[in-house]
């Protein structure tokens, strides 16, 4: 696993994505941005964390890190590291309140990934 630091992506970048994977060849800068997000999702723990946060985030909710940690057989610092990578990839955000940190998904980032992966509908195929 690489030790390189992920940089927080421009939160508007995913909204700027107007063509999907099959729409046009990907430009280098956009490929780099997407690779950082997909790399963050390439770990089962991070994927589960994102799913847990997204489930709790429905209707504008958020989840405390104290609710996430017990679901894993990992130490709290390891969970915090995974959450940091998801945050740096621009997929989630957080806020500290006292000793606890609360997380929520960034829907525009997830929508941008979904839009990118979406394949164009074949002519005449049901929508």
Protein backbone atom coordinates (compact mmCIF):
# COMPACT_ATOMS: atom_id res chain seq x y z
CA UNK A 1 0.00 0.00 0.00
CA UNK A 2 1.35 3.39 -0.94
CA UNK A 3 2.31 5.89 1.77
CA UNK A 4 1.73 8.90 -0.47
CA UNK A 5 -0.54 11.66 0.81
CA UNK A 6 -3.83 12.23 -0.95
CA UNK A 7 -4.69 15.84 -1.68
CA UNK A 8 -8.18 17.20 -1.07
CA UNK A 9 -9.93 17.50 -4.41
CA UNK A 10 -11.81 20.54 -5.57
CA UNK A 11 -15.35 19.87 -4.39
CA UNK A 12 -16.74 21.40 -7.59
CA UNK A 13 -14.61 19.16 -9.82
CA UNK A 14 -17.04 16.25 -9.67
CA UNK A 15 -19.89 18.53 -10.70
CA UNK A 16 -17.79 19.70 -13.64
CA UNK A 17 -17.62 16.15 -14.98
CA UNK A 18 -19.94 16.22 -17.94
CA UNK A 19 -18.79 13.15 -19.87
CA UNK A 20 -18.68 9.64 -18.56
CA UNK A 21 -16.18 6.89 -19.10
CA UNK A 22 -17.58 6.02 -22.51
CA UNK A 23 -18.36 9.62 -23.51
CA UNK A 24 -14.88 10.76 -24.52
CA UNK A 25 -11.24 9.95 -23.80
CA UNK A 26 -10.28 11.12 -20.33
CA UNK A 27 -7.93 14.07 -19.98
CA UNK A 28 -4.86 13.63 -17.79
CA UNK A 29 -5.89 16.05 -15.03
CA UNK A 30 -9.37 14.55 -14.70
CA UNK A 31 -7.91 11.03 -14.68
CA UNK A 32 -5.61 12.01 -11.81
CA UNK A 33 -8.52 13.43 -9.79
CA UNK A 34 -10.72 10.38 -10.35
CA UNK A 35 -7.87 7.98 -9.58
CA UNK A 36 -7.46 9.57 -6.13
CA UNK A 37 -11.13 9.05 -5.37
CA UNK A 38 -11.20 5.49 -6.69
CA UNK A 39 -7.97 4.70 -4.81
CA UNK A 40 -9.64 5.85 -1.59
CA UNK A 41 -12.52 3.48 -2.36
CA UNK A 42 -10.16 0.62 -3.22
CA UNK A 43 -9.89 -0.58 0.37
CA UNK A 44 -12.68 -2.72 1.90
CA UNK A 45 -12.52 -0.88 5.24
CA UNK A 46 -12.85 2.53 3.57
CA UNK A 47 -15.66 1.27 1.36
CA UNK A 48 -17.53 -0.02 4.42
CA UNK A 49 -16.90 3.24 6.28
CA UNK A 50 -18.27 5.24 3.37
CA UNK A 51 -21.32 2.99 3.22
CA UNK A 52 -21.94 3.38 6.96
CA UNK A 53 -21.58 7.16 6.76
CA UNK A 54 -23.79 7.38 3.67
CA UNK A 55 -26.46 5.24 5.35
CA UNK A 56 -26.45 7.51 8.39
CA UNK A 57 -26.27 10.63 6.22
CA UNK A 58 -29.64 10.11 4.54
CA UNK A 59 -31.82 13.17 5.01
CA UNK A 60 -28.85 15.33 6.01
CA UNK A 61 -27.74 13.17 8.95
CA UNK A 62 -24.26 12.50 10.19
CA UNK A 63 -22.49 9.81 12.16
CA UNK A 64 -20.11 10.06 15.10
CA UNK A 65 -16.77 8.32 14.88
CA UNK A 66 -17.72 6.62 18.15
CA UNK A 67 -20.44 4.76 16.21
CA UNK A 68 -18.07 3.69 13.42
CA UNK A 69 -15.14 2.29 15.39
CA UNK A 70 -16.95 -0.64 17.12
CA UNK A 71 -17.99 -2.09 13.75
CA UNK A 72 -14.36 -3.01 12.96
CA UNK A 73 -11.70 -5.11 14.60
CA UNK A 74 -9.23 -2.28 14.09
CA UNK A 75 -7.76 0.28 16.43
CA UNK A 76 -9.23 3.77 16.64
CA UNK A 77 -6.11 5.35 15.06
CA UNK A 78 -6.43 2.99 12.09
CA UNK A 79 -10.09 3.93 11.62
CA UNK A 80 -9.12 7.61 11.85
CA UNK A 81 -6.47 7.07 9.17
CA UNK A 82 -9.02 5.52 6.82
CA UNK A 83 -11.46 8.36 7.47
CA UNK A 84 -8.69 10.87 6.76
CA UNK A 85 -8.06 9.28 3.36
CA UNK A 86 -11.75 9.42 2.49
CA UNK A 87 -11.79 13.07 3.55
CA UNK A 88 -8.69 13.91 1.52
CA UNK A 89 -10.27 12.28 -1.52
CA UNK A 90 -13.21 14.67 -1.14
CA UNK A 91 -15.79 11.93 -0.50
CA UNK A 92 -16.71 12.85 3.09
CA UNK A 93 -16.38 15.81 5.41
CA UNK A 94 -16.39 16.17 9.17
CA UNK A 95 -16.73 18.50 12.11
CA UNK A 96 -15.24 18.20 15.59
CA UNK A 97 -17.63 18.75 18.47
CA UNK A 98 -15.88 18.47 21.80
CA UNK A 99 -14.02 15.17 21.83
CA UNK A 100 -16.07 13.58 19.04
CA UNK A 101 -15.87 13.99 15.28
CA UNK A 102 -19.02 13.75 13.15
CA UNK A 103 -18.88 12.64 9.50
CA UNK A 104 -21.18 13.00 6.51
CA UNK A 105 -20.88 12.17 2.81
CA UNK A 106 -20.46 14.79 0.11
CA UNK A 107 -23.26 13.85 -2.31
CA UNK A 108 -21.82 15.85 -5.22
CA UNK A 109 -18.61 13.81 -5.09
CA UNK A 110 -20.50 10.49 -5.11
CA UNK A 111 -22.82 11.73 -7.84
CA UNK A 112 -19.77 12.74 -9.90
CA UNK A 113 -18.31 9.24 -9.61
CA UNK A 114 -21.64 7.68 -10.53
CA UNK A 115 -21.99 9.98 -13.51
CA UNK A 116 -18.50 9.09 -14.68
CA UNK A 117 -19.20 5.35 -14.48
CA UNK A 118 -22.59 5.59 -16.14
CA UNK A 119 -22.74 4.10 -19.60
CA UNK A 120 -24.79 5.73 -22.33
CA UNK A 121 -28.14 4.08 -23.00
CA UNK A 122 -28.26 2.12 -26.22
CA UNK A 123 -30.68 3.52 -28.76
CA UNK A 124 -34.11 2.04 -28.16
CA UNK A 125 -33.11 0.39 -24.88
CA UNK A 126 -35.48 0.92 -21.95
CA UNK A 127 -34.30 3.65 -19.59
